[in-house]
Amino acid sequence: MEKTIIAEGKTTNEAIENGLKQLKVSKDKVEVKVLENEDKRSFFSILAPRVVKVELTLKEDVKGAKIQEKREIKLTEQEQEKAKENIEKFLKDFIKNLPEDTKYEISAEESGLKVSLTNDNLGYLIGYRGETLYALQSIMTAIAGKGIEQKVRVILDIEGYKAKREKTLEDLAQKVAKTVIRTKKPIKLEPMQAYERKIIHSKLQQNSRVETTSVGEEPHRRIIVSLKKNK
């Protein structure tokens, strides 16, 4: 992620929007400097295509956040084992309160832990659109990191929910894209978890007619699907 970029557009606003899409931040997170204004055009340039250039620089607090966000987590074998022990100790007590025959699996790797819970009666642990699941995942993340200096990432799945949700979101992305192309009007989706937004972005990334942008602040950040400006 660059700290400063140059973006272009037919107008100042379009150039800024193009830059924000590249940086994937909102306008309040950047400092804007207009390099070429649409109003400063000579007689000889009237017939040339109109291009406005702006310079966007991430503000200091955003730079720090981006750098921290990009830092790759690599756990040592000892840290993996310690994190796994922490979670296993928690789960042994936790499943006593769950339906009979509930099983769990834990796998450790450099990037963190993957935990799965299986039983036919765990829907209440998933909650509406996975809200309860993600809350439990956050708790496990805190527990896994006890006694370990760096953060341990925990990915929790219950009854294969995430695979089903991914398929649902991919189908939604295609359906919304078709609607946007037909109506030529942008569609704003409901707020989603970061990983769910990533599924939508990835699914439509290769679509030549629509584009996706994220707007708003967590936990109300959402995706807007719109026609590409060159279509």
C-alpha atoms as a PDB file:
ATOM      1  CA  MET A   1       0.000   0.000   0.000  1.00  0.00           C
ATOM      2  CA  GLU A   2       1.550   3.315  -1.094  1.00  0.00           C
ATOM      3  CA  LYS A   3       1.421   6.258   1.285  1.00  0.00           C
ATOM      4  CA  THR A   4       1.032   8.748  -1.593  1.00  0.00           C
ATOM      5  CA  ILE A   5      -0.514   8.155  -5.018  1.00  0.00           C
ATOM      6  CA  ILE A   6      -1.383  10.182  -8.101  1.00  0.00           C
ATOM      7  CA  ALA A   7      -4.883   9.654  -9.473  1.00  0.00           C
ATOM      8  CA  GLU A   8      -6.595  10.940 -12.623  1.00  0.00           C
ATOM      9  CA  GLY A   9     -10.137  11.682 -13.718  1.00  0.00           C
ATOM     10  CA  LYS A  10     -12.225  13.884 -15.982  1.00  0.00           C
ATOM     11  CA  THR A  11     -13.096  16.088 -12.994  1.00  0.00           C
ATOM     12  CA  THR A  12     -11.465  16.769  -9.640  1.00  0.00           C
ATOM     13  CA  ASN A  13     -14.113  14.737  -7.822  1.00  0.00           C
ATOM     14  CA  GLU A  14     -13.712  11.794 -10.191  1.00  0.00           C
ATOM     15  CA  ALA A  15      -9.928  11.870  -9.767  1.00  0.00           C
ATOM     16  CA  ILE A  16     -10.287  11.885  -5.972  1.00  0.00           C
ATOM     17  CA  GLU A  17     -12.785   9.008  -6.067  1.00  0.00           C
ATOM     18  CA  ASN A  18     -10.437   6.983  -8.275  1.00  0.00           C
ATOM     19  CA  GLY A  19      -7.625   7.588  -5.790  1.00  0.00           C
ATOM     20  CA  LEU A  20      -9.757   6.604  -2.812  1.00  0.00           C
ATOM     21  CA  LYS A  21     -10.643   3.332  -4.543  1.00  0.00           C
ATOM     22  CA  GLN A  22      -6.952   2.560  -5.016  1.00  0.00           C
ATOM     23  CA  LEU A  23      -6.142   3.293  -1.378  1.00  0.00           C
ATOM     24  CA  LYS A  24      -9.393   1.680  -0.170  1.00  0.00           C
ATOM     25  CA  VAL A  25     -10.074   4.423   2.376  1.00  0.00           C
ATOM     26  CA  SER A  26     -12.664   7.176   2.848  1.00  0.00           C
ATOM     27  CA  LYS A  27     -11.949  10.812   1.971  1.00  0.00           C
ATOM     28  CA  ASP A  28     -11.424  11.866   5.593  1.00  0.00           C
ATOM     29  CA  LYS A  29      -8.417   9.521   5.772  1.00  0.00           C
ATOM     30  CA  VAL A  30      -6.373  11.368   3.126  1.00  0.00           C
ATOM     31  CA  GLU A  31      -4.895  14.755   2.321  1.00  0.00           C
ATOM     32  CA  VAL A  32      -5.738  15.926  -1.212  1.00  0.00           C
ATOM     33  CA  LYS A  33      -3.612  18.142  -3.442  1.00  0.00           C
ATOM     34  CA  VAL A  34      -4.872  19.093  -6.913  1.00  0.00           C
ATOM     35  CA  LEU A  35      -2.000  18.899  -9.419  1.00  0.00           C
ATOM     36  CA  GLU A  36      -3.942  19.720 -12.582  1.00  0.00           C
ATOM     37  CA  ASN A  37      -7.335  21.447 -12.354  1.00  0.00           C
ATOM     38  CA  GLU A  38     -10.037  21.102 -14.989  1.00  0.00           C
ATOM     39  CA  ASP A  39     -10.467  24.893 -15.021  1.00  0.00           C
ATOM     40  CA  LYS A  40      -6.878  25.588 -16.065  1.00  0.00           C
ATOM     41  CA  ARG A  41      -7.051  24.697 -19.726  1.00  0.00           C
ATOM     42  CA  SER A  42      -5.440  26.682 -22.510  1.00  0.00           C
ATOM     43  CA  PHE A  43      -6.961  27.404 -25.895  1.00  0.00           C
ATOM     44  CA  PHE A  44      -4.677  24.815 -27.521  1.00  0.00           C
ATOM     45  CA  SER A  45      -5.724  22.046 -25.091  1.00  0.00           C
ATOM     46  CA  ILE A  46      -9.486  22.386 -25.553  1.00  0.00           C
ATOM     47  CA  LEU A  47      -9.635  19.583 -28.101  1.00  0.00           C
ATOM     48  CA  ALA A  48      -7.470  17.274 -25.986  1.00  0.00           C
ATOM     49  CA  PRO A  49      -9.083  14.809 -23.557  1.00  0.00           C
ATOM     50  CA  ARG A  50      -9.743  16.428 -20.189  1.00  0.00           C
ATOM     51  CA  VAL A  51      -7.576  14.980 -17.429  1.00  0.00           C
ATOM     52  CA  VAL A  52      -7.385  16.150 -13.834  1.00  0.00           C
ATOM     53  CA  LYS A  53      -4.574  14.902 -11.611  1.00  0.00           C
ATOM     54  CA  VAL A  54      -4.666  14.841  -7.821  1.00  0.00           C
ATOM     55  CA  GLU A  55      -2.207  13.669  -5.211  1.00  0.00           C
ATOM     56  CA  LEU A  56      -3.653  11.676  -2.298  1.00  0.00           C
ATOM     57  CA  THR A  57      -1.580  11.118   0.829  1.00  0.00           C
ATOM     58  CA  LEU A  58      -2.671   8.868   3.682  1.00  0.00           C
ATOM     59  CA  LYS A  59      -2.836  10.726   6.979  1.00  0.00           C
ATOM     60  CA  GLU A  60      -0.378   9.638   9.660  1.00  0.00           C
ATOM     61  CA  ASP A  61      -2.814   7.601  11.774  1.00  0.00           C
ATOM     62  CA  VAL A  62      -4.003   5.718   8.691  1.00  0.00           C
ATOM     63  CA  LYS A  63      -0.424   4.962   7.585  1.00  0.00           C
ATOM     64  CA  GLY A  64       0.292   3.334  10.917  1.00  0.00           C
ATOM     65  CA  ALA A  65      -2.914   1.328  10.808  1.00  0.00           C
ATOM     66  CA  LYS A  66      -2.214   0.088   7.293  1.00  0.00           C
ATOM     67  CA  ILE A  67       1.332  -0.978   8.149  1.00  0.00           C
ATOM     68  CA  GLN A  68       0.161  -2.840  11.212  1.00  0.00           C
ATOM     69  CA  GLU A  69      -2.671  -4.468   9.263  1.00  0.00           C
ATOM     70  CA  LYS A  70      -0.290  -5.749   6.580  1.00  0.00           C
ATOM     71  CA  ARG A  71       2.227  -7.251   9.020  1.00  0.00           C
ATOM     72  CA  GLU A  72       2.185 -10.963   8.390  1.00  0.00           C
ATOM     73  CA  ILE A  73       1.711 -13.148  11.439  1.00  0.00           C
ATOM     74  CA  LYS A  74       4.163 -16.030  11.734  1.00  0.00           C
ATOM     75  CA  LEU A  75       3.924 -18.152  14.850  1.00  0.00           C
ATOM     76  CA  THR A  76       6.781 -20.353  15.956  1.00  0.00           C
ATOM     77  CA  GLU A  77       6.082 -24.029  16.598  1.00  0.00           C
ATOM     78  CA  GLN A  78       6.188 -23.326  20.324  1.00  0.00           C
ATOM     79  CA  GLU A  79       3.680 -20.480  19.960  1.00  0.00           C
ATOM     80  CA  GLN A  80       1.405 -22.666  17.859  1.00  0.00           C
ATOM     81  CA  GLU A  81       1.476 -25.390  20.471  1.00  0.00           C
ATOM     82  CA  LYS A  82       0.832 -22.923  23.304  1.00  0.00           C
ATOM     83  CA  ALA A  83      -2.117 -21.350  21.427  1.00  0.00           C
ATOM     84  CA  LYS A  84      -3.550 -24.786  20.696  1.00  0.00           C
ATOM     85  CA  GLU A  85      -3.269 -25.778  24.367  1.00  0.00           C
ATOM     86  CA  ASN A  86      -5.057 -22.562  25.401  1.00  0.00           C
ATOM     87  CA  ILE A  87      -7.975 -23.211  23.048  1.00  0.00           C
ATOM     88  CA  GLU A  88      -8.195 -26.919  23.842  1.00  0.00           C
ATOM     89  CA  LYS A  89      -8.423 -26.184  27.565  1.00  0.00           C
ATOM     90  CA  PHE A  90     -11.235 -23.695  26.860  1.00  0.00           C
ATOM     91  CA  LEU A  91     -13.142 -26.021  24.520  1.00  0.00           C
ATOM     92  CA  LYS A  92     -13.048 -28.993  26.871  1.00  0.00           C
ATOM     93  CA  ASP A  93     -15.094 -26.988  29.362  1.00  0.00           C
ATOM     94  CA  PHE A  94     -17.127 -25.127  26.753  1.00  0.00           C
ATOM     95  CA  ILE A  95     -18.561 -28.182  24.972  1.00  0.00           C
ATOM     96  CA  LYS A  96     -19.919 -29.488  28.291  1.00  0.00           C
ATOM     97  CA  ASN A  97     -22.611 -26.820  27.853  1.00  0.00           C
ATOM     98  CA  LEU A  98     -23.329 -27.761  24.240  1.00  0.00           C
ATOM     99  CA  PRO A  99     -25.586 -30.488  22.816  1.00  0.00           C
ATOM    100  CA  GLU A 100     -24.387 -34.032  23.384  1.00  0.00           C
ATOM    101  CA  ASP A 101     -21.891 -35.444  20.871  1.00  0.00           C
ATOM    102  CA  THR A 102     -20.587 -32.009  19.897  1.00  0.00           C
ATOM    103  CA  LYS A 103     -17.103 -32.452  18.457  1.00  0.00           C
ATOM    104  CA  TYR A 104     -14.288 -29.981  17.913  1.00  0.00           C
ATOM    105  CA  GLU A 105     -11.128 -29.930  15.817  1.00  0.00           C
ATOM    106  CA  ILE A 106      -8.133 -27.617  16.142  1.00  0.00           C
ATOM    107  CA  SER A 107      -5.392 -27.214  13.552  1.00  0.00           C
ATOM    108  CA  ALA A 108      -2.377 -24.962  14.055  1.00  0.00           C
ATOM    109  CA  GLU A 109      -0.261 -23.220  11.430  1.00  0.00           C
ATOM    110  CA  GLU A 110       2.059 -20.229  11.195  1.00  0.00           C
ATOM    111  CA  SER A 111      -0.799 -17.793  10.599  1.00  0.00           C
ATOM    112  CA  GLY A 112      -2.868 -18.993  13.572  1.00  0.00           C
ATOM    113  CA  LEU A 113      -5.473 -21.581  14.498  1.00  0.00           C
ATOM    114  CA  LYS A 114      -8.446 -23.044  12.695  1.00  0.00           C
ATOM    115  CA  VAL A 115     -11.211 -24.331  14.955  1.00  0.00           C
ATOM    116  CA  SER A 116     -14.351 -26.157  13.898  1.00  0.00           C
ATOM    117  CA  LEU A 117     -17.371 -27.260  15.944  1.00  0.00           C
ATOM    118  CA  THR A 118     -19.721 -29.905  14.573  1.00  0.00           C
ATOM    119  CA  ASN A 119     -23.192 -30.991  15.627  1.00  0.00           C
ATOM    120  CA  ASP A 120     -26.627 -30.729  14.030  1.00  0.00           C
ATOM    121  CA  ASN A 121     -27.954 -28.455  16.785  1.00  0.00           C
ATOM    122  CA  LEU A 122     -25.511 -25.556  16.972  1.00  0.00           C
ATOM    123  CA  GLY A 123     -27.452 -23.005  14.946  1.00  0.00           C
ATOM    124  CA  TYR A 124     -27.846 -20.764  17.998  1.00  0.00           C
ATOM    125  CA  LEU A 125     -24.036 -20.456  18.178  1.00  0.00           C
ATOM    126  CA  ILE A 126     -23.996 -19.086  14.631  1.00  0.00           C
ATOM    127  CA  GLY A 127     -26.656 -16.444  15.114  1.00  0.00           C
ATOM    128  CA  TYR A 128     -28.073 -14.023  12.566  1.00  0.00           C
ATOM    129  CA  ARG A 129     -25.616 -13.723   9.671  1.00  0.00           C
ATOM    130  CA  GLY A 130     -22.929 -15.273  11.872  1.00  0.00           C
ATOM    131  CA  GLU A 131     -22.968 -12.565  14.551  1.00  0.00           C
ATOM    132  CA  THR A 132     -22.716 -15.018  17.459  1.00  0.00           C
ATOM    133  CA  LEU A 133     -20.065 -17.053  15.643  1.00  0.00           C
ATOM    134  CA  TYR A 134     -17.857 -13.986  15.142  1.00  0.00           C
ATOM    135  CA  ALA A 135     -18.307 -12.929  18.761  1.00  0.00           C
ATOM    136  CA  LEU A 136     -17.188 -16.394  19.882  1.00  0.00           C
ATOM    137  CA  GLN A 137     -14.296 -16.224  17.418  1.00  0.00           C
ATOM    138  CA  SER A 138     -13.144 -12.956  19.026  1.00  0.00           C
ATOM    139  CA  ILE A 139     -13.261 -14.565  22.473  1.00  0.00           C
ATOM    140  CA  MET A 140     -11.201 -17.512  21.226  1.00  0.00           C
ATOM    141  CA  THR A 141      -8.684 -15.141  19.673  1.00  0.00           C
ATOM    142  CA  ALA A 142      -8.138 -13.510  23.067  1.00  0.00           C
ATOM    143  CA  ILE A 143      -7.862 -16.888  24.820  1.00  0.00           C
ATOM    144  CA  ALA A 144      -5.460 -18.348  22.251  1.00  0.00           C
ATOM    145  CA  GLY A 145      -3.041 -15.449  22.707  1.00  0.00           C
ATOM    146  CA  LYS A 146      -2.592 -15.870  26.460  1.00  0.00           C
ATOM    147  CA  GLY A 147       1.120 -16.152  27.257  1.00  0.00           C
ATOM    148  CA  ILE A 148       2.084 -15.294  23.668  1.00  0.00           C
ATOM    149  CA  GLU A 149       3.583 -11.909  22.780  1.00  0.00           C
ATOM    150  CA  GLN A 150       2.039 -11.522  19.337  1.00  0.00           C
ATOM    151  CA  LYS A 151      -1.615 -11.759  18.384  1.00  0.00           C
ATOM    152  CA  VAL A 152      -2.880 -15.234  17.502  1.00  0.00           C
ATOM    153  CA  ARG A 153      -5.487 -15.302  14.773  1.00  0.00           C
ATOM    154  CA  VAL A 154      -8.314 -17.790  15.285  1.00  0.00           C
ATOM    155  CA  ILE A 155     -10.659 -18.777  12.449  1.00  0.00           C
ATOM    156  CA  LEU A 156     -13.781 -20.456  13.797  1.00  0.00           C
ATOM    157  CA  ASP A 157     -16.334 -22.394  11.775  1.00  0.00           C
ATOM    158  CA  ILE A 158     -19.503 -24.047  13.052  1.00  0.00           C
ATOM    159  CA  GLU A 159     -21.387 -26.743  11.106  1.00  0.00           C
ATOM    160  CA  GLY A 160     -19.634 -25.639   7.899  1.00  0.00           C
ATOM    161  CA  TYR A 161     -21.405 -22.248   8.066  1.00  0.00           C
ATOM    162  CA  LYS A 162     -18.650 -20.269   6.373  1.00  0.00           C
ATOM    163  CA  ALA A 163     -18.569 -22.452   3.244  1.00  0.00           C
ATOM    164  CA  LYS A 164     -22.349 -22.127   2.920  1.00  0.00           C
ATOM    165  CA  ARG A 165     -22.170 -18.378   3.542  1.00  0.00           C
ATOM    166  CA  GLU A 166     -19.444 -17.985   0.929  1.00  0.00           C
ATOM    167  CA  LYS A 167     -21.626 -19.682  -1.696  1.00  0.00           C
ATOM    168  CA  THR A 168     -24.568 -17.458  -0.711  1.00  0.00           C
ATOM    169  CA  LEU A 169     -22.451 -14.304  -1.026  1.00  0.00           C
ATOM    170  CA  GLU A 170     -21.026 -15.333  -4.401  1.00  0.00           C
ATOM    171  CA  ASP A 171     -24.541 -15.932  -5.714  1.00  0.00           C
ATOM    172  CA  LEU A 172     -25.602 -12.566  -4.277  1.00  0.00           C
ATOM    173  CA  ALA A 173     -22.675 -10.816  -5.966  1.00  0.00           C
ATOM    174  CA  GLN A 174     -23.627 -12.199  -9.380  1.00  0.00           C
ATOM    175  CA  LYS A 175     -27.304 -11.354  -8.912  1.00  0.00           C
ATOM    176  CA  VAL A 176     -26.548  -7.782  -7.828  1.00  0.00           C
ATOM    177  CA  ALA A 177     -24.107  -7.290 -10.717  1.00  0.00           C
ATOM    178  CA  LYS A 178     -26.785  -8.326 -13.225  1.00  0.00           C
ATOM    179  CA  THR A 179     -29.267  -5.898 -11.642  1.00  0.00           C
ATOM    180  CA  VAL A 180     -26.748  -3.032 -11.735  1.00  0.00           C
ATOM    181  CA  ILE A 181     -25.989  -3.717 -15.408  1.00  0.00           C
ATOM    182  CA  ARG A 182     -29.707  -3.873 -16.260  1.00  0.00           C
ATOM    183  CA  THR A 183     -30.806  -0.780 -14.317  1.00  0.00           C
ATOM    184  CA  LYS A 184     -27.539   1.175 -14.639  1.00  0.00           C
ATOM    185  CA  LYS A 185     -27.983   2.183 -10.992  1.00  0.00           C
ATOM    186  CA  PRO A 186     -25.573   1.408  -8.113  1.00  0.00           C
ATOM    187  CA  ILE A 187     -26.696  -0.906  -5.321  1.00  0.00           C
ATOM    188  CA  LYS A 188     -25.560  -0.567  -1.712  1.00  0.00           C
ATOM    189  CA  LEU A 189     -25.409  -3.862   0.165  1.00  0.00           C
ATOM    190  CA  GLU A 190     -26.071  -4.342   3.851  1.00  0.00           C
ATOM    191  CA  PRO A 191     -23.148  -4.072   6.322  1.00  0.00           C
ATOM    192  CA  MET A 192     -20.906  -7.140   6.320  1.00  0.00           C
ATOM    193  CA  GLN A 193     -17.907  -8.597   8.095  1.00  0.00           C
ATOM    194  CA  ALA A 194     -14.556  -7.810   6.451  1.00  0.00           C
ATOM    195  CA  TYR A 195     -14.100 -11.382   5.259  1.00  0.00           C
ATOM    196  CA  GLU A 196     -17.587 -11.336   3.686  1.00  0.00           C
ATOM    197  CA  ARG A 197     -16.846  -8.080   1.857  1.00  0.00           C
ATOM    198  CA  LYS A 198     -13.673  -9.679   0.542  1.00  0.00           C
ATOM    199  CA  ILE A 199     -15.739 -12.494  -0.993  1.00  0.00           C
ATOM    200  CA  ILE A 200     -17.934  -9.966  -2.843  1.00  0.00           C
ATOM    201  CA  HIS A 201     -14.934  -7.940  -4.029  1.00  0.00           C
ATOM    202  CA  SER A 202     -13.128 -11.075  -5.237  1.00  0.00           C
ATOM    203  CA  LYS A 203     -16.170 -12.482  -7.037  1.00  0.00           C
ATOM    204  CA  LEU A 204     -16.747  -9.278  -9.030  1.00  0.00           C
ATOM    205  CA  GLN A 205     -13.107  -8.318  -9.519  1.00  0.00           C
ATOM    206  CA  GLN A 206     -12.980  -9.881 -12.989  1.00  0.00           C
ATOM    207  CA  ASN A 207     -16.368  -8.499 -14.060  1.00  0.00           C
ATOM    208  CA  SER A 208     -15.666  -6.087 -16.917  1.00  0.00           C
ATOM    209  CA  ARG A 209     -18.844  -4.050 -16.400  1.00  0.00           C
ATOM    210  CA  VAL A 210     -19.159  -3.432 -12.667  1.00  0.00           C
ATOM    211  CA  GLU A 211     -16.899  -2.345  -9.824  1.00  0.00           C
ATOM    212  CA  THR A 212     -17.098  -2.549  -6.052  1.00  0.00           C
ATOM    213  CA  THR A 213     -16.164  -0.057  -3.348  1.00  0.00           C
ATOM    214  CA  SER A 214     -16.431  -0.208   0.442  1.00  0.00           C
ATOM    215  CA  VAL A 215     -17.864   2.747   2.364  1.00  0.00           C
ATOM    216  CA  GLY A 216     -18.525   3.572   6.007  1.00  0.00           C
ATOM    217  CA  GLU A 217     -16.842   2.638   9.247  1.00  0.00           C
ATOM    218  CA  GLU A 218     -16.836  -0.692  11.067  1.00  0.00           C
ATOM    219  CA  PRO A 219     -19.070  -2.388  12.063  1.00  0.00           C
ATOM    220  CA  HIS A 220     -21.371  -0.669   9.533  1.00  0.00           C
ATOM    221  CA  ARG A 221     -18.999  -0.809   6.565  1.00  0.00           C
ATOM    222  CA  ARG A 222     -20.723  -1.978   3.382  1.00  0.00           C
ATOM    223  CA  ILE A 223     -20.140  -2.507  -0.331  1.00  0.00           C
ATOM    224  CA  ILE A 224     -21.494  -0.470  -3.228  1.00  0.00           C
ATOM    225  CA  VAL A 225     -21.707  -2.224  -6.595  1.00  0.00           C
ATOM    226  CA  SER A 226     -21.836   0.180  -9.561  1.00  0.00           C
ATOM    227  CA  LEU A 227     -21.197   0.339 -13.290  1.00  0.00           C
ATOM    228  CA  LYS A 228     -17.623   0.989 -14.339  1.00  0.00           C
ATOM    229  CA  LYS A 229     -17.350   4.559 -15.561  1.00  0.00           C
ATOM    230  CA  ASN A 230     -15.914   3.565 -18.918  1.00  0.00           C
ATOM    231  CA  LYS A 231     -19.027   1.457 -19.726  1.00  0.00           C
END
